[in-house]
N, C-alpha and C. Protein backbone atom coordinates (compact mmCIF):
# COMPACT_ATOMS: atom_id res chain seq x y z
N MET A 1 0.84 -1.17 0.00
CA MET A 1 0.00 0.00 0.00
C MET A 1 0.89 1.24 0.00
N ASN A 2 0.64 2.15 -0.89
CA ASN A 2 1.38 3.41 -0.94
C ASN A 2 0.73 4.41 -0.02
N VAL A 3 1.53 5.08 0.77
CA VAL A 3 1.03 6.07 1.71
C VAL A 3 1.45 7.44 1.22
N VAL A 4 0.49 8.34 1.13
CA VAL A 4 0.78 9.70 0.70
C VAL A 4 0.92 10.58 1.93
N SER A 5 1.98 11.33 1.99
CA SER A 5 2.19 12.25 3.10
C SER A 5 1.39 13.52 2.84
N ILE A 6 0.64 13.96 3.84
CA ILE A 6 -0.16 15.16 3.73
C ILE A 6 0.59 16.31 4.40
N PRO A 7 0.82 17.41 3.67
CA PRO A 7 1.49 18.54 4.30
C PRO A 7 0.66 19.08 5.45
N THR A 8 1.31 19.53 6.50
CA THR A 8 0.58 20.00 7.67
C THR A 8 0.91 21.44 8.01
N ARG A 9 1.47 22.17 7.08
CA ARG A 9 1.79 23.57 7.33
C ARG A 9 0.57 24.43 7.09
N SER A 10 0.51 25.53 7.80
CA SER A 10 -0.52 26.52 7.55
C SER A 10 -0.05 27.43 6.42
N ARG A 11 -0.99 27.96 5.67
CA ARG A 11 -0.64 28.84 4.56
C ARG A 11 -1.48 30.10 4.63
N GLN A 12 -0.94 31.16 4.08
CA GLN A 12 -1.68 32.42 3.99
C GLN A 12 -2.55 32.38 2.75
N PHE A 13 -3.80 32.79 2.91
CA PHE A 13 -4.71 32.87 1.78
C PHE A 13 -5.60 34.08 1.98
N GLY A 14 -5.46 35.06 1.13
CA GLY A 14 -6.25 36.27 1.24
C GLY A 14 -6.07 36.97 2.58
N GLY A 15 -4.84 36.94 3.12
CA GLY A 15 -4.57 37.60 4.39
C GLY A 15 -4.98 36.78 5.61
N ARG A 16 -5.56 35.60 5.40
CA ARG A 16 -5.99 34.74 6.51
C ARG A 16 -5.15 33.48 6.54
N GLN A 17 -4.91 32.98 7.74
CA GLN A 17 -4.14 31.75 7.92
C GLN A 17 -5.07 30.56 7.63
N MET A 18 -4.68 29.71 6.71
CA MET A 18 -5.49 28.55 6.35
C MET A 18 -4.76 27.27 6.78
N SER A 19 -5.48 26.38 7.35
CA SER A 19 -4.92 25.11 7.81
C SER A 19 -4.91 24.11 6.68
N THR A 20 -3.87 23.30 6.61
CA THR A 20 -3.84 22.23 5.63
C THR A 20 -4.14 20.88 6.26
N GLY A 21 -4.55 20.85 7.53
CA GLY A 21 -4.99 19.63 8.18
C GLY A 21 -3.96 18.98 9.07
N LEU A 22 -4.43 18.28 10.05
CA LEU A 22 -3.68 17.44 10.97
C LEU A 22 -2.80 18.20 11.97
N GLU A 23 -2.94 19.52 12.07
CA GLU A 23 -2.14 20.25 13.06
C GLU A 23 -2.47 19.80 14.48
N ASP A 24 -3.78 19.64 14.79
CA ASP A 24 -4.18 19.21 16.13
C ASP A 24 -3.60 17.85 16.48
N GLU A 25 -3.65 16.93 15.52
CA GLU A 25 -3.16 15.58 15.75
C GLU A 25 -1.65 15.56 15.97
N LEU A 26 -0.91 16.30 15.15
CA LEU A 26 0.55 16.36 15.31
C LEU A 26 0.93 17.06 16.61
N HIS A 27 0.20 18.10 16.95
CA HIS A 27 0.44 18.80 18.22
C HIS A 27 0.22 17.84 19.40
N TYR A 28 -0.86 17.09 19.35
CA TYR A 28 -1.15 16.12 20.42
C TYR A 28 -0.01 15.08 20.50
N TYR A 29 0.39 14.55 19.36
CA TYR A 29 1.46 13.54 19.34
C TYR A 29 2.75 14.09 19.94
N ARG A 30 3.17 15.25 19.48
CA ARG A 30 4.43 15.83 19.95
C ARG A 30 4.39 16.17 21.44
N ASN A 31 3.28 16.73 21.90
CA ASN A 31 3.17 17.15 23.30
C ASN A 31 3.02 15.98 24.26
N ASN A 32 2.62 14.82 23.76
CA ASN A 32 2.40 13.66 24.62
C ASN A 32 3.34 12.50 24.31
N LEU A 33 4.40 12.77 23.56
CA LEU A 33 5.28 11.70 23.10
C LEU A 33 5.84 10.86 24.24
N ASP A 34 6.27 11.47 25.32
CA ASP A 34 6.82 10.68 26.44
C ASP A 34 5.80 9.68 26.98
N LYS A 35 4.57 10.13 27.17
CA LYS A 35 3.50 9.24 27.66
C LYS A 35 3.17 8.17 26.62
N LEU A 36 3.14 8.57 25.36
CA LEU A 36 2.83 7.62 24.30
C LEU A 36 3.90 6.53 24.19
N ILE A 37 5.15 6.90 24.36
CA ILE A 37 6.24 5.92 24.30
C ILE A 37 6.08 4.88 25.40
N LYS A 38 5.70 5.33 26.59
CA LYS A 38 5.52 4.39 27.70
C LYS A 38 4.43 3.37 27.42
N LYS A 39 3.39 3.80 26.72
CA LYS A 39 2.24 2.91 26.50
C LYS A 39 2.23 2.23 25.13
N TYR A 40 2.73 2.92 24.10
CA TYR A 40 2.58 2.43 22.72
C TYR A 40 3.89 2.30 21.95
N ASN A 41 5.02 2.26 22.62
CA ASN A 41 6.31 2.25 21.93
C ASN A 41 6.38 1.17 20.84
N GLY A 42 6.73 1.61 19.64
CA GLY A 42 6.87 0.69 18.52
C GLY A 42 5.58 0.39 17.78
N LEU A 43 4.45 0.86 18.30
CA LEU A 43 3.15 0.63 17.66
C LEU A 43 2.74 1.84 16.83
N TYR A 44 1.80 1.62 15.94
CA TYR A 44 1.20 2.70 15.17
C TYR A 44 -0.09 3.11 15.87
N VAL A 45 -0.24 4.40 16.10
CA VAL A 45 -1.46 4.89 16.75
C VAL A 45 -2.32 5.65 15.75
N LEU A 46 -3.62 5.54 15.94
CA LEU A 46 -4.61 6.23 15.14
C LEU A 46 -5.10 7.41 15.97
N ILE A 47 -4.80 8.63 15.50
CA ILE A 47 -5.11 9.84 16.25
C ILE A 47 -6.08 10.69 15.45
N LYS A 48 -7.12 11.14 16.13
CA LYS A 48 -8.07 12.10 15.56
C LYS A 48 -8.30 13.17 16.60
N GLY A 49 -7.98 14.41 16.25
CA GLY A 49 -8.09 15.50 17.21
C GLY A 49 -7.08 15.30 18.33
N GLN A 50 -7.56 15.29 19.55
CA GLN A 50 -6.70 15.13 20.73
C GLN A 50 -6.91 13.77 21.38
N ARG A 51 -7.15 12.74 20.57
CA ARG A 51 -7.49 11.42 21.12
C ARG A 51 -6.84 10.29 20.33
N ILE A 52 -6.36 9.30 21.07
CA ILE A 52 -5.89 8.04 20.48
C ILE A 52 -7.10 7.12 20.38
N TYR A 53 -7.41 6.66 19.19
CA TYR A 53 -8.55 5.77 19.00
C TYR A 53 -8.17 4.31 19.07
N ALA A 54 -6.95 3.98 18.63
CA ALA A 54 -6.52 2.59 18.63
C ALA A 54 -5.03 2.53 18.35
N SER A 55 -4.44 1.37 18.63
CA SER A 55 -3.04 1.14 18.30
C SER A 55 -2.94 -0.16 17.51
N PHE A 56 -1.90 -0.26 16.68
CA PHE A 56 -1.76 -1.38 15.76
C PHE A 56 -0.29 -1.76 15.63
N THR A 57 -0.04 -2.99 15.24
CA THR A 57 1.33 -3.44 15.03
C THR A 57 1.83 -3.10 13.63
N ASN A 58 0.91 -2.78 12.71
CA ASN A 58 1.37 -2.40 11.38
C ASN A 58 0.58 -1.22 10.84
N GLU A 59 1.23 -0.47 9.98
CA GLU A 59 0.69 0.78 9.45
C GLU A 59 -0.55 0.56 8.59
N GLU A 60 -0.52 -0.47 7.78
CA GLU A 60 -1.64 -0.73 6.88
C GLU A 60 -2.94 -0.97 7.64
N ALA A 61 -2.88 -1.75 8.70
CA ALA A 61 -4.08 -2.01 9.52
C ALA A 61 -4.59 -0.72 10.15
N ALA A 62 -3.67 0.12 10.59
CA ALA A 62 -4.07 1.40 11.20
C ALA A 62 -4.79 2.28 10.19
N PHE A 63 -4.28 2.37 8.97
CA PHE A 63 -4.93 3.18 7.95
C PHE A 63 -6.30 2.61 7.57
N GLU A 64 -6.40 1.30 7.47
CA GLU A 64 -7.69 0.69 7.13
C GLU A 64 -8.74 1.00 8.20
N GLU A 65 -8.36 0.89 9.45
CA GLU A 65 -9.30 1.21 10.54
C GLU A 65 -9.65 2.69 10.53
N GLY A 66 -8.67 3.53 10.28
CA GLY A 66 -8.94 4.96 10.20
C GLY A 66 -9.94 5.29 9.12
N ARG A 67 -9.82 4.65 8.00
CA ARG A 67 -10.79 4.86 6.91
C ARG A 67 -12.17 4.37 7.29
N LYS A 68 -12.24 3.27 8.02
CA LYS A 68 -13.55 2.77 8.49
C LYS A 68 -14.18 3.74 9.48
N PHE A 69 -13.36 4.22 10.44
CA PHE A 69 -13.86 5.14 11.47
C PHE A 69 -14.24 6.50 10.90
N PHE A 70 -13.37 7.07 10.06
CA PHE A 70 -13.47 8.48 9.70
C PHE A 70 -13.72 8.76 8.23
N GLY A 71 -13.73 7.74 7.39
CA GLY A 71 -13.98 7.97 5.97
C GLY A 71 -12.95 8.91 5.37
N ASN A 72 -13.43 9.97 4.72
CA ASN A 72 -12.52 10.93 4.08
C ASN A 72 -12.08 12.05 4.99
N SER A 73 -12.52 12.04 6.23
CA SER A 73 -12.10 13.06 7.19
C SER A 73 -10.64 12.79 7.60
N PRO A 74 -9.82 13.84 7.72
CA PRO A 74 -8.40 13.63 8.05
C PRO A 74 -8.19 12.97 9.42
N PHE A 75 -7.23 12.09 9.48
CA PHE A 75 -6.78 11.46 10.71
C PHE A 75 -5.30 11.18 10.56
N LEU A 76 -4.64 10.92 11.68
CA LEU A 76 -3.19 10.69 11.65
C LEU A 76 -2.88 9.28 12.11
N VAL A 77 -2.04 8.61 11.35
CA VAL A 77 -1.44 7.34 11.77
C VAL A 77 0.04 7.61 11.92
N LYS A 78 0.55 7.35 13.10
CA LYS A 78 1.96 7.68 13.40
C LYS A 78 2.57 6.56 14.23
N LYS A 79 3.77 6.16 13.86
CA LYS A 79 4.50 5.18 14.67
C LYS A 79 5.06 5.87 15.90
N VAL A 80 4.82 5.30 17.04
CA VAL A 80 5.32 5.88 18.29
C VAL A 80 6.75 5.40 18.49
N GLU A 81 7.65 6.35 18.46
CA GLU A 81 9.06 6.02 18.66
C GLU A 81 9.81 7.27 19.10
N LYS A 82 10.90 7.03 19.80
CA LYS A 82 11.73 8.13 20.29
C LYS A 82 12.31 8.89 19.09
N GLN A 83 12.26 10.20 19.17
CA GLN A 83 12.80 11.05 18.11
C GLN A 83 14.24 11.41 18.46
N TYR A 84 15.13 11.28 17.51
CA TYR A 84 16.54 11.60 17.75
C TYR A 84 16.91 12.88 17.08
């Protein structure tokens, strides 16, 4: 399965800041990484908003469940691991 990376930067549009998606999810992941490592180290987590919905041993299963839960609405699948 090919995974497409979605940009998560905000952009200016008509003088207003526009979101490109997943900022909340990435913020949650980064701010809670120490806790996530203790509980989910090495697993893929399915994050929507400020919540972990499930964890998986492989990325493909996580994406499939995310599509079932959220359809075309953005969600984040991220492997929990220490950042160097």
